Amino acid sequence: MLCAEKLTVASTNAPTNGALSLPGTVETVDYQGQAARYFLRLGHAAPGNQHDR
C-alpha cells in the first residue's frame, strides 16, 4: 500500500538518497483550492506505446 503523504514527485536527475524511485510522467494536475491531485503514469513505456497496455 502506498500512502500519499509518504510520496515525493521529483525530476529525473534528483538525488534519491537511498529511497525507492520509479520512472514516470505527470499526466494531469487537478487543482482543488489549496490542494492538488497528481495523476501519474509510472514505468518506462511512453503514452500510446503498445507495450503500455
PDB file of N, CA and C in Angstrom:
ATOM      1  N   MET A   1       0.838  -1.155   0.000  1.00  0.00           N
ATOM      2  CA  MET A   1       0.000   0.000   0.000  1.00  0.00           C
ATOM      3  C   MET A   1       0.898   1.239   0.000  1.00  0.00           C
ATOM      4  N   LEU A   2       0.513   2.217  -0.790  1.00  0.00           N
ATOM      5  CA  LEU A   2       1.228   3.488  -0.835  1.00  0.00           C
ATOM      6  C   LEU A   2       0.433   4.541  -0.094  1.00  0.00           C
ATOM      7  N   CYS A   3       1.091   5.275   0.753  1.00  0.00           N
ATOM      8  CA  CYS A   3       0.448   6.387   1.459  1.00  0.00           C
ATOM      9  C   CYS A   3       0.872   7.684   0.791  1.00  0.00           C
ATOM     10  N   ALA A   4      -0.088   8.473   0.354  1.00  0.00           N
ATOM     11  CA  ALA A   4       0.205   9.699  -0.397  1.00  0.00           C
ATOM     12  C   ALA A   4       1.126  10.637   0.370  1.00  0.00           C
ATOM     13  N   GLU A   5       0.997  10.716   1.666  1.00  0.00           N
ATOM     14  CA  GLU A   5       1.829  11.631   2.444  1.00  0.00           C
ATOM     15  C   GLU A   5       3.298  11.201   2.494  1.00  0.00           C
ATOM     16  N   LYS A   6       3.585   9.969   2.067  1.00  0.00           N
ATOM     17  CA  LYS A   6       4.962   9.466   2.060  1.00  0.00           C
ATOM     18  C   LYS A   6       5.623   9.577   0.680  1.00  0.00           C
ATOM     19  N   LEU A   7       4.881  10.012  -0.349  1.00  0.00           N
ATOM     20  CA  LEU A   7       5.396  10.069  -1.711  1.00  0.00           C
ATOM     21  C   LEU A   7       5.989  11.429  -2.025  1.00  0.00           C
ATOM     22  N   THR A   8       6.988  11.427  -2.898  1.00  0.00           N
ATOM     23  CA  THR A   8       7.607  12.651  -3.380  1.00  0.00           C
ATOM     24  C   THR A   8       7.704  12.573  -4.891  1.00  0.00           C
ATOM     25  N   VAL A   9       7.298  13.627  -5.584  1.00  0.00           N
ATOM     26  CA  VAL A   9       7.452  13.717  -7.035  1.00  0.00           C
ATOM     27  C   VAL A   9       8.674  14.592  -7.285  1.00  0.00           C
ATOM     28  N   ALA A  10       9.636  14.066  -8.032  1.00  0.00           N
ATOM     29  CA  ALA A  10      10.892  14.790  -8.266  1.00  0.00           C
ATOM     30  C   ALA A  10      11.317  14.643  -9.718  1.00  0.00           C
ATOM     31  N   SER A  11      12.209  15.505 -10.153  1.00  0.00           N
ATOM     32  CA  SER A  11      12.729  15.425 -11.515  1.00  0.00           C
ATOM     33  C   SER A  11      13.620  14.198 -11.662  1.00  0.00           C
ATOM     34  N   THR A  12      13.874  13.830 -12.899  1.00  0.00           N
ATOM     35  CA  THR A  12      14.651  12.624 -13.193  1.00  0.00           C
ATOM     36  C   THR A  12      16.036  12.644 -12.562  1.00  0.00           C
ATOM     37  N   ASN A  13      16.686  13.795 -12.541  1.00  0.00           N
ATOM     38  CA  ASN A  13      18.065  13.853 -12.038  1.00  0.00           C
ATOM     39  C   ASN A  13      18.155  14.199 -10.553  1.00  0.00           C
ATOM     40  N   ALA A  14      17.033  14.197  -9.833  1.00  0.00           N
ATOM     41  CA  ALA A  14      17.050  14.492  -8.398  1.00  0.00           C
ATOM     42  C   ALA A  14      17.662  13.324  -7.631  1.00  0.00           C
ATOM     43  N   PRO A  15      18.468  13.605  -6.610  1.00  0.00           N
ATOM     44  CA  PRO A  15      19.045  12.512  -5.807  1.00  0.00           C
ATOM     45  C   PRO A  15      17.952  11.775  -5.034  1.00  0.00           C
ATOM     46  N   THR A  16      18.074  10.445  -4.946  1.00  0.00           N
ATOM     47  CA  THR A  16      17.068   9.641  -4.247  1.00  0.00           C
ATOM     48  C   THR A  16      17.413   9.422  -2.779  1.00  0.00           C
ATOM     49  N   ASN A  17      18.659   9.660  -2.398  1.00  0.00           N
ATOM     50  CA  ASN A  17      19.097   9.460  -1.009  1.00  0.00           C
ATOM     51  C   ASN A  17      18.740   8.072  -0.491  1.00  0.00           C
ATOM     52  N   GLY A  18      18.844   7.075  -1.369  1.00  0.00           N
ATOM     53  CA  GLY A  18      18.599   5.696  -0.982  1.00  0.00           C
ATOM     54  C   GLY A  18      17.139   5.273  -1.033  1.00  0.00           C
ATOM     55  N   ALA A  19      16.231   6.180  -1.352  1.00  0.00           N
ATOM     56  CA  ALA A  19      14.806   5.840  -1.406  1.00  0.00           C
ATOM     57  C   ALA A  19      14.493   5.100  -2.702  1.00  0.00           C
ATOM     58  N   LEU A  20      13.462   4.276  -2.657  1.00  0.00           N
ATOM     59  CA  LEU A  20      12.980   3.595  -3.852  1.00  0.00           C
ATOM     60  C   LEU A  20      12.440   4.646  -4.815  1.00  0.00           C
ATOM     61  N   SER A  21      12.774   4.547  -6.091  1.00  0.00           N
ATOM     62  CA  SER A  21      12.253   5.500  -7.074  1.00  0.00           C
ATOM     63  C   SER A  21      11.768   4.752  -8.308  1.00  0.00           C
ATOM     64  N   LEU A  22      10.781   5.318  -8.970  1.00  0.00           N
ATOM     65  CA  LEU A  22      10.207   4.753 -10.183  1.00  0.00           C
ATOM     66  C   LEU A  22      10.166   5.831 -11.254  1.00  0.00           C
ATOM     67  N   PRO A  23      10.485   5.482 -12.505  1.00  0.00           N
ATOM     68  CA  PRO A  23      10.342   6.468 -13.575  1.00  0.00           C
ATOM     69  C   PRO A  23       8.861   6.680 -13.877  1.00  0.00           C
ATOM     70  N   GLY A  24       8.509   7.875 -14.264  1.00  0.00           N
ATOM     71  CA  GLY A  24       7.112   8.143 -14.574  1.00  0.00           C
ATOM     72  C   GLY A  24       6.919   9.510 -15.192  1.00  0.00           C
ATOM     73  N   THR A  25       5.669   9.803 -15.523  1.00  0.00           N
ATOM     74  CA  THR A  25       5.291  11.064 -16.142  1.00  0.00           C
ATOM     75  C   THR A  25       4.072  11.620 -15.421  1.00  0.00           C
ATOM     76  N   VAL A  26       4.101  12.909 -15.097  1.00  0.00           N
ATOM     77  CA  VAL A  26       2.919  13.572 -14.560  1.00  0.00           C
ATOM     78  C   VAL A  26       2.016  13.856 -15.751  1.00  0.00           C
ATOM     79  N   GLU A  27       0.854  13.218 -15.794  1.00  0.00           N
ATOM     80  CA  GLU A  27      -0.056  13.384 -16.923  1.00  0.00           C
ATOM     81  C   GLU A  27      -1.048  14.518 -16.708  1.00  0.00           C
ATOM     82  N   THR A  28      -1.542  14.680 -15.495  1.00  0.00           N
ATOM     83  CA  THR A  28      -2.547  15.700 -15.210  1.00  0.00           C
ATOM     84  C   THR A  28      -2.376  16.189 -13.781  1.00  0.00           C
ATOM     85  N   VAL A  29      -2.624  17.470 -13.571  1.00  0.00           N
ATOM     86  CA  VAL A  29      -2.697  18.028 -12.225  1.00  0.00           C
ATOM     87  C   VAL A  29      -4.079  18.639 -12.074  1.00  0.00           C
ATOM     88  N   ASP A  30      -4.811  18.214 -11.052  1.00  0.00           N
ATOM     89  CA  ASP A  30      -6.165  18.687 -10.789  1.00  0.00           C
ATOM     90  C   ASP A  30      -6.113  19.554  -9.533  1.00  0.00           C
ATOM     91  N   TYR A  31      -6.222  20.862  -9.706  1.00  0.00           N
ATOM     92  CA  TYR A  31      -6.163  21.792  -8.582  1.00  0.00           C
ATOM     93  C   TYR A  31      -7.534  21.887  -7.930  1.00  0.00           C
ATOM     94  N   GLN A  32      -7.565  21.720  -6.598  1.00  0.00           N
ATOM     95  CA  GLN A  32      -8.805  21.757  -5.833  1.00  0.00           C
ATOM     96  C   GLN A  32      -8.620  22.718  -4.665  1.00  0.00           C
ATOM     97  N   GLY A  33      -8.703  24.021  -4.950  1.00  0.00           N
ATOM     98  CA  GLY A  33      -8.451  25.022  -3.920  1.00  0.00           C
ATOM     99  C   GLY A  33      -6.982  24.998  -3.533  1.00  0.00           C
ATOM    100  N   GLN A  34      -6.704  24.768  -2.262  1.00  0.00           N
ATOM    101  CA  GLN A  34      -5.320  24.724  -1.796  1.00  0.00           C
ATOM    102  C   GLN A  34      -4.673  23.361  -2.006  1.00  0.00           C
ATOM    103  N   ALA A  35      -5.441  22.366  -2.383  1.00  0.00           N
ATOM    104  CA  ALA A  35      -4.918  21.011  -2.613  1.00  0.00           C
ATOM    105  C   ALA A  35      -4.758  20.758  -4.107  1.00  0.00           C
ATOM    106  N   ALA A  36      -3.930  19.796  -4.440  1.00  0.00           N
ATOM    107  CA  ALA A  36      -3.754  19.386  -5.835  1.00  0.00           C
ATOM    108  C   ALA A  36      -3.657  17.875  -5.890  1.00  0.00           C
ATOM    109  N   ARG A  37      -4.283  17.285  -6.928  1.00  0.00           N
ATOM    110  CA  ARG A  37      -4.179  15.841  -7.172  1.00  0.00           C
ATOM    111  C   ARG A  37      -3.331  15.654  -8.418  1.00  0.00           C
ATOM    112  N   TYR A  38      -2.335  14.778  -8.325  1.00  0.00           N
ATOM    113  CA  TYR A  38      -1.438  14.494  -9.443  1.00  0.00           C
ATOM    114  C   TYR A  38      -1.768  13.116  -9.985  1.00  0.00           C
ATOM    115  N   PHE A  39      -1.947  13.019 -11.293  1.00  0.00           N
ATOM    116  CA  PHE A  39      -2.196  11.745 -11.958  1.00  0.00           C
ATOM    117  C   PHE A  39      -0.919  11.376 -12.693  1.00  0.00           C
ATOM    118  N   LEU A  40      -0.357  10.223 -12.359  1.00  0.00           N
ATOM    119  CA  LEU A  40       0.945   9.802 -12.869  1.00  0.00           C
ATOM    120  C   LEU A  40       0.827   8.547 -13.712  1.00  0.00           C
ATOM    121  N   ARG A  41       1.712   8.424 -14.672  1.00  0.00           N
ATOM    122  CA  ARG A  41       1.892   7.171 -15.417  1.00  0.00           C
ATOM    123  C   ARG A  41       3.290   6.694 -15.041  1.00  0.00           C
ATOM    124  N   LEU A  42       3.351   5.546 -14.368  1.00  0.00           N
ATOM    125  CA  LEU A  42       4.630   5.015 -13.911  1.00  0.00           C
ATOM    126  C   LEU A  42       5.156   3.967 -14.863  1.00  0.00           C
ATOM    127  N   GLY A  43       6.464   3.897 -14.992  1.00  0.00           N
ATOM    128  CA  GLY A  43       7.116   2.909 -15.837  1.00  0.00           C
ATOM    129  C   GLY A  43       7.839   3.555 -16.997  1.00  0.00           C
ATOM    130  N   HIS A  44       8.510   2.726 -17.780  1.00  0.00           N
ATOM    131  CA  HIS A  44       9.323   3.213 -18.889  1.00  0.00           C
ATOM    132  C   HIS A  44       8.536   3.461 -20.156  1.00  0.00           C
ATOM    133  N   ALA A  45       7.369   2.837 -20.311  1.00  0.00           N
ATOM    134  CA  ALA A  45       6.624   2.926 -21.561  1.00  0.00           C
ATOM    135  C   ALA A  45       6.043   4.324 -21.750  1.00  0.00           C
ATOM    136  N   ALA A  46       6.185   4.865 -22.927  1.00  0.00           N
ATOM    137  CA  ALA A  46       5.621   6.179 -23.248  1.00  0.00           C
ATOM    138  C   ALA A  46       4.123   6.044 -23.512  1.00  0.00           C
ATOM    139  N   PRO A  47       3.352   7.097 -23.225  1.00  0.00           N
ATOM    140  CA  PRO A  47       1.913   7.032 -23.527  1.00  0.00           C
ATOM    141  C   PRO A  47       1.685   6.693 -25.006  1.00  0.00           C
ATOM    142  N   GLY A  48       0.743   5.797 -25.261  1.00  0.00           N
ATOM    143  CA  GLY A  48       0.456   5.400 -26.638  1.00  0.00           C
ATOM    144  C   GLY A  48       1.289   4.243 -27.117  1.00  0.00           C
ATOM    145  N   ASN A  49       2.279   3.819 -26.339  1.00  0.00           N
ATOM    146  CA  ASN A  49       3.134   2.694 -26.694  1.00  0.00           C
ATOM    147  C   ASN A  49       2.316   1.407 -26.560  1.00  0.00           C
ATOM    148  N   GLN A  50       2.456   0.492 -27.500  1.00  0.00           N
ATOM    149  CA  GLN A  50       1.686  -0.763 -27.465  1.00  0.00           C
ATOM    150  C   GLN A  50       2.005  -1.591 -26.232  1.00  0.00           C
ATOM    151  N   HIS A  51       3.211  -1.470 -25.697  1.00  0.00           N
ATOM    152  CA  HIS A  51       3.602  -2.279 -24.542  1.00  0.00           C
ATOM    153  C   HIS A  51       3.040  -1.687 -23.246  1.00  0.00           C
ATOM    154  N   ASP A  52       2.329  -0.579 -23.335  1.00  0.00           N
ATOM    155  CA  ASP A  52       1.813   0.114 -22.175  1.00  0.00           C
ATOM    156  C   ASP A  52       0.449  -0.409 -21.743  1.00  0.00           C
ATOM    157  N   ARG A  53      -0.062  -1.419 -22.413  1.00  0.00           N
ATOM    158  CA  ARG A  53      -1.427  -1.919 -22.129  1.00  0.00           C
ATOM    159  C   ARG A  53      -1.390  -3.158 -21.292  1.00  0.00           C
TER     160      ARG A  53
END
